[in-house]
Amino acid sequence: MQKLKTKLRRVYYRLRHYYFSADNVIFLLTIVLCVVWTGSSISAMSRNWELSQKIATKSRELERLDLEVKTIELENIYYASEEYQELSARSKENKKLPGENLVYLSENSETAKNKYKEAPEAEKIEEPSNFSQWMSFLFNA
C-alpha cells in the first residue's frame, strides 16, 4: 500500500510541475483561443460573402424588374398613340386612308413556288478547299 501511495505522489508531482505548470496552461489556453478566434473569423467571412452574393442577386433582379416596368410603360404609351391605333385599324379592320387602294393578291402557283428552289447545274461553281486556298496563297500556285 505504501508503494502505491508513493507512486501516486510521484505521478501527482510530475503532472503538477511538468505538465500543468502556469506557463504550460497559459500556452495551451492561448492556442485554444487562437483556434476559436480563427474559426469564428472564417465563419463570419463566409457568412458575409454569402450575404453579399444574395444582395448582388437581389439588386440584379431589381434592375431587371425596373427595366421590365419601363418597357411596359413605353409599350403602353405606344399603344395609346395614334400611330399604333391607325396601324391596328389598318391590319384588323382593313381600313385605308383616302386615296389608297387595297390590292388582294391570289395564292402563288406551284410553278412560282418551285422556281427558285433548285439552281441549275451550270450555275453551281465548286469552291476550292480551304487547304488548297492556303497553298495557292502561300506558294502563288
C-alpha atoms as a PDB file:
ATOM      1  CA  MET A   1       0.000   0.000   0.000  1.00  0.00           C
ATOM      2  CA  GLN A   2       2.884   2.290   0.782  1.00  0.00           C
ATOM      3  CA  LYS A   3       4.309   1.768  -2.704  1.00  0.00           C
ATOM      4  CA  LEU A   4       1.062   2.688  -4.301  1.00  0.00           C
ATOM      5  CA  LYS A   5       0.857   5.938  -2.313  1.00  0.00           C
ATOM      6  CA  THR A   6       4.426   6.749  -3.280  1.00  0.00           C
ATOM      7  CA  LYS A   7       3.716   6.113  -6.953  1.00  0.00           C
ATOM      8  CA  LEU A   8       0.604   8.270  -6.833  1.00  0.00           C
ATOM      9  CA  ARG A   9       2.525  11.087  -5.185  1.00  0.00           C
ATOM     10  CA  ARG A  10       5.195  10.883  -7.879  1.00  0.00           C
ATOM     11  CA  VAL A  11       2.580  10.985 -10.652  1.00  0.00           C
ATOM     12  CA  TYR A  12       0.858  13.913  -8.980  1.00  0.00           C
ATOM     13  CA  TYR A  13       4.160  15.767  -8.632  1.00  0.00           C
ATOM     14  CA  ARG A  14       5.098  15.185 -12.265  1.00  0.00           C
ATOM     15  CA  LEU A  15       1.684  16.294 -13.515  1.00  0.00           C
ATOM     16  CA  ARG A  16       1.697  19.383 -11.339  1.00  0.00           C
ATOM     17  CA  HIS A  17       5.239  20.532 -12.032  1.00  0.00           C
ATOM     18  CA  TYR A  18       5.895  19.328 -15.606  1.00  0.00           C
ATOM     19  CA  TYR A  19       2.535  19.324 -17.382  1.00  0.00           C
ATOM     20  CA  PHE A  20       0.222  21.689 -15.511  1.00  0.00           C
ATOM     21  CA  SER A  21       2.626  24.464 -14.749  1.00  0.00           C
ATOM     22  CA  ALA A  22       1.425  28.060 -15.176  1.00  0.00           C
ATOM     23  CA  ASP A  23       3.426  28.530 -18.373  1.00  0.00           C
ATOM     24  CA  ASN A  24       2.041  25.381 -19.978  1.00  0.00           C
ATOM     25  CA  VAL A  25      -1.556  26.207 -19.010  1.00  0.00           C
ATOM     26  CA  ILE A  26      -1.259  29.762 -20.405  1.00  0.00           C
ATOM     27  CA  PHE A  27       0.308  28.435 -23.615  1.00  0.00           C
ATOM     28  CA  LEU A  28      -2.478  25.860 -24.028  1.00  0.00           C
ATOM     29  CA  LEU A  29      -5.179  28.492 -23.401  1.00  0.00           C
ATOM     30  CA  THR A  30      -3.529  30.783 -25.952  1.00  0.00           C
ATOM     31  CA  ILE A  31      -3.567  28.049 -28.591  1.00  0.00           C
ATOM     32  CA  VAL A  32      -7.231  27.226 -27.880  1.00  0.00           C
ATOM     33  CA  LEU A  33      -8.216  30.906 -28.065  1.00  0.00           C
ATOM     34  CA  CYS A  34      -6.362  31.323 -31.375  1.00  0.00           C
ATOM     35  CA  VAL A  35      -8.128  28.305 -32.871  1.00  0.00           C
ATOM     36  CA  VAL A  36     -11.545  29.520 -31.682  1.00  0.00           C
ATOM     37  CA  TRP A  37     -10.882  33.067 -32.942  1.00  0.00           C
ATOM     38  CA  THR A  38      -9.715  31.768 -36.351  1.00  0.00           C
ATOM     39  CA  GLY A  39     -12.755  29.523 -36.706  1.00  0.00           C
ATOM     40  CA  SER A  40     -15.194  32.279 -35.812  1.00  0.00           C
ATOM     41  CA  SER A  41     -13.451  34.701 -38.187  1.00  0.00           C
ATOM     42  CA  ILE A  42     -13.684  32.214 -41.047  1.00  0.00           C
ATOM     43  CA  SER A  43     -17.367  31.547 -40.371  1.00  0.00           C
ATOM     44  CA  ALA A  44     -18.094  35.307 -40.223  1.00  0.00           C
ATOM     45  CA  MET A  45     -16.279  35.912 -43.522  1.00  0.00           C
ATOM     46  CA  SER A  46     -18.152  33.018 -45.119  1.00  0.00           C
ATOM     47  CA  ARG A  47     -21.499  34.358 -43.930  1.00  0.00           C
ATOM     48  CA  ASN A  48     -20.629  37.871 -45.145  1.00  0.00           C
ATOM     49  CA  TRP A  49     -19.700  36.512 -48.576  1.00  0.00           C
ATOM     50  CA  GLU A  50     -22.971  34.582 -48.837  1.00  0.00           C
ATOM     51  CA  LEU A  51     -24.955  37.655 -47.825  1.00  0.00           C
ATOM     52  CA  SER A  52     -23.121  39.840 -50.358  1.00  0.00           C
ATOM     53  CA  GLN A  53     -23.924  37.283 -53.063  1.00  0.00           C
ATOM     54  CA  LYS A  54     -27.607  37.398 -52.088  1.00  0.00           C
ATOM     55  CA  ILE A  55     -27.568  41.203 -52.157  1.00  0.00           C
ATOM     56  CA  ALA A  56     -25.947  41.202 -55.603  1.00  0.00           C
ATOM     57  CA  THR A  57     -28.542  38.734 -56.888  1.00  0.00           C
ATOM     58  CA  LYS A  58     -31.405  40.782 -55.486  1.00  0.00           C
ATOM     59  CA  SER A  59     -30.012  44.028 -56.935  1.00  0.00           C
ATOM     60  CA  ARG A  60     -29.679  42.426 -60.397  1.00  0.00           C
ATOM     61  CA  GLU A  61     -33.249  41.172 -60.113  1.00  0.00           C
ATOM     62  CA  LEU A  62     -34.411  44.658 -59.080  1.00  0.00           C
ATOM     63  CA  GLU A  63     -32.676  46.211 -62.095  1.00  0.00           C
ATOM     64  CA  ARG A  64     -34.269  43.633 -64.397  1.00  0.00           C
ATOM     65  CA  LEU A  65     -37.722  44.308 -62.943  1.00  0.00           C
ATOM     66  CA  ASP A  66     -37.212  48.074 -63.265  1.00  0.00           C
ATOM     67  CA  LEU A  67     -36.290  47.579 -66.903  1.00  0.00           C
ATOM     68  CA  GLU A  68     -39.402  45.450 -67.456  1.00  0.00           C
ATOM     69  CA  VAL A  69     -41.575  48.137 -65.844  1.00  0.00           C
ATOM     70  CA  LYS A  70     -40.042  50.840 -68.048  1.00  0.00           C
ATOM     71  CA  THR A  71     -40.557  48.643 -71.125  1.00  0.00           C
ATOM     72  CA  ILE A  72     -44.195  48.061 -70.245  1.00  0.00           C
ATOM     73  CA  GLU A  73     -44.718  51.799 -69.651  1.00  0.00           C
ATOM     74  CA  LEU A  74     -43.231  52.562 -73.072  1.00  0.00           C
ATOM     75  CA  GLU A  75     -45.440  49.914 -74.682  1.00  0.00           C
ATOM     76  CA  ASN A  76     -48.494  51.456 -73.029  1.00  0.00           C
ATOM     77  CA  ILE A  77     -47.520  54.876 -74.361  1.00  0.00           C
ATOM     78  CA  TYR A  78     -47.052  53.356 -77.831  1.00  0.00           C
ATOM     79  CA  TYR A  79     -50.394  51.529 -77.690  1.00  0.00           C
ATOM     80  CA  ALA A  80     -52.112  54.808 -76.750  1.00  0.00           C
ATOM     81  CA  SER A  81     -50.519  56.673 -79.663  1.00  0.00           C
ATOM     82  CA  GLU A  82     -52.370  57.497 -82.855  1.00  0.00           C
ATOM     83  CA  GLU A  83     -49.754  55.689 -84.942  1.00  0.00           C
ATOM     84  CA  TYR A  84     -50.467  52.334 -83.293  1.00  0.00           C
ATOM     85  CA  GLN A  85     -54.222  52.851 -83.448  1.00  0.00           C
ATOM     86  CA  GLU A  86     -54.006  53.612 -87.146  1.00  0.00           C
ATOM     87  CA  LEU A  87     -51.817  50.566 -87.860  1.00  0.00           C
ATOM     88  CA  SER A  88     -54.107  48.375 -85.794  1.00  0.00           C
ATOM     89  CA  ALA A  89     -57.200  49.618 -87.618  1.00  0.00           C
ATOM     90  CA  ARG A  90     -55.491  49.043 -90.968  1.00  0.00           C
ATOM     91  CA  SER A  91     -54.457  45.474 -90.189  1.00  0.00           C
ATOM     92  CA  LYS A  92     -57.518  44.237 -88.288  1.00  0.00           C
ATOM     93  CA  GLU A  93     -60.364  46.106 -89.925  1.00  0.00           C
ATOM     94  CA  ASN A  94     -58.906  46.648 -93.415  1.00  0.00           C
ATOM     95  CA  LYS A  95     -59.168  50.421 -93.062  1.00  0.00           C
ATOM     96  CA  LYS A  96     -57.438  52.705 -95.538  1.00  0.00           C
ATOM     97  CA  LEU A  97     -56.549  56.335 -95.890  1.00  0.00           C
ATOM     98  CA  PRO A  98     -58.236  58.454 -98.560  1.00  0.00           C
ATOM     99  CA  GLY A  99     -56.551  57.915-101.915  1.00  0.00           C
ATOM    100  CA  GLU A 100     -55.158  54.450-101.050  1.00  0.00           C
ATOM    101  CA  ASN A 101     -56.195  51.287-102.837  1.00  0.00           C
ATOM    102  CA  LEU A 102     -56.256  47.836-101.315  1.00  0.00           C
ATOM    103  CA  VAL A 103     -54.968  45.064-103.530  1.00  0.00           C
ATOM    104  CA  TYR A 104     -55.772  41.430-102.780  1.00  0.00           C
ATOM    105  CA  LEU A 105     -53.210  39.009-104.197  1.00  0.00           C
ATOM    106  CA  SER A 106     -54.034  35.434-105.023  1.00  0.00           C
ATOM    107  CA  GLU A 107     -52.007  32.470-103.845  1.00  0.00           C
ATOM    108  CA  ASN A 108     -48.777  31.701-105.717  1.00  0.00           C
ATOM    109  CA  SER A 109     -48.948  28.899-108.249  1.00  0.00           C
ATOM    110  CA  GLU A 110     -46.835  25.768-107.916  1.00  0.00           C
ATOM    111  CA  THR A 111     -44.533  26.983-110.707  1.00  0.00           C
ATOM    112  CA  ALA A 112     -43.835  30.233-108.869  1.00  0.00           C
ATOM    113  CA  LYS A 113     -43.226  28.391-105.607  1.00  0.00           C
ATOM    114  CA  ASN A 114     -40.731  25.967-107.169  1.00  0.00           C
ATOM    115  CA  LYS A 115     -38.967  28.494-109.419  1.00  0.00           C
ATOM    116  CA  TYR A 116     -36.061  29.264-107.070  1.00  0.00           C
ATOM    117  CA  LYS A 117     -35.866  26.007-105.121  1.00  0.00           C
ATOM    118  CA  GLU A 118     -33.362  24.271-107.392  1.00  0.00           C
ATOM    119  CA  ALA A 119     -30.467  26.068-109.008  1.00  0.00           C
ATOM    120  CA  PRO A 120     -29.471  24.935-112.491  1.00  0.00           C
ATOM    121  CA  GLU A 121     -26.348  22.767-112.822  1.00  0.00           C
ATOM    122  CA  ALA A 122     -24.490  25.360-114.908  1.00  0.00           C
ATOM    123  CA  GLU A 123     -24.604  27.982-112.165  1.00  0.00           C
ATOM    124  CA  LYS A 124     -23.073  25.771-109.488  1.00  0.00           C
ATOM    125  CA  ILE A 125     -19.394  26.618-109.043  1.00  0.00           C
ATOM    126  CA  GLU A 126     -17.248  24.460-106.841  1.00  0.00           C
ATOM    127  CA  GLU A 127     -15.086  26.368-104.411  1.00  0.00           C
ATOM    128  CA  PRO A 128     -11.590  25.078-103.751  1.00  0.00           C
ATOM    129  CA  SER A 129     -10.982  23.588-100.330  1.00  0.00           C
ATOM    130  CA  ASN A 130      -9.535  25.645 -97.518  1.00  0.00           C
ATOM    131  CA  PHE A 131      -6.222  23.776 -97.745  1.00  0.00           C
ATOM    132  CA  SER A 132      -5.870  24.413-101.471  1.00  0.00           C
ATOM    133  CA  GLN A 133      -6.715  28.085-100.964  1.00  0.00           C
ATOM    134  CA  TRP A 134      -3.912  28.356 -98.391  1.00  0.00           C
ATOM    135  CA  MET A 135      -1.474  26.569-100.679  1.00  0.00           C
ATOM    136  CA  SER A 136      -2.264  28.912-103.533  1.00  0.00           C
ATOM    137  CA  PHE A 137      -1.905  31.899-101.210  1.00  0.00           C
ATOM    138  CA  LEU A 138       1.418  30.763 -99.734  1.00  0.00           C
ATOM    139  CA  PHE A 139       3.068  29.433-102.902  1.00  0.00           C
ATOM    140  CA  ASN A 140       1.327  31.569-105.535  1.00  0.00           C
ATOM    141  CA  ALA A 141       0.188  28.451-107.330  1.00  0.00           C
END
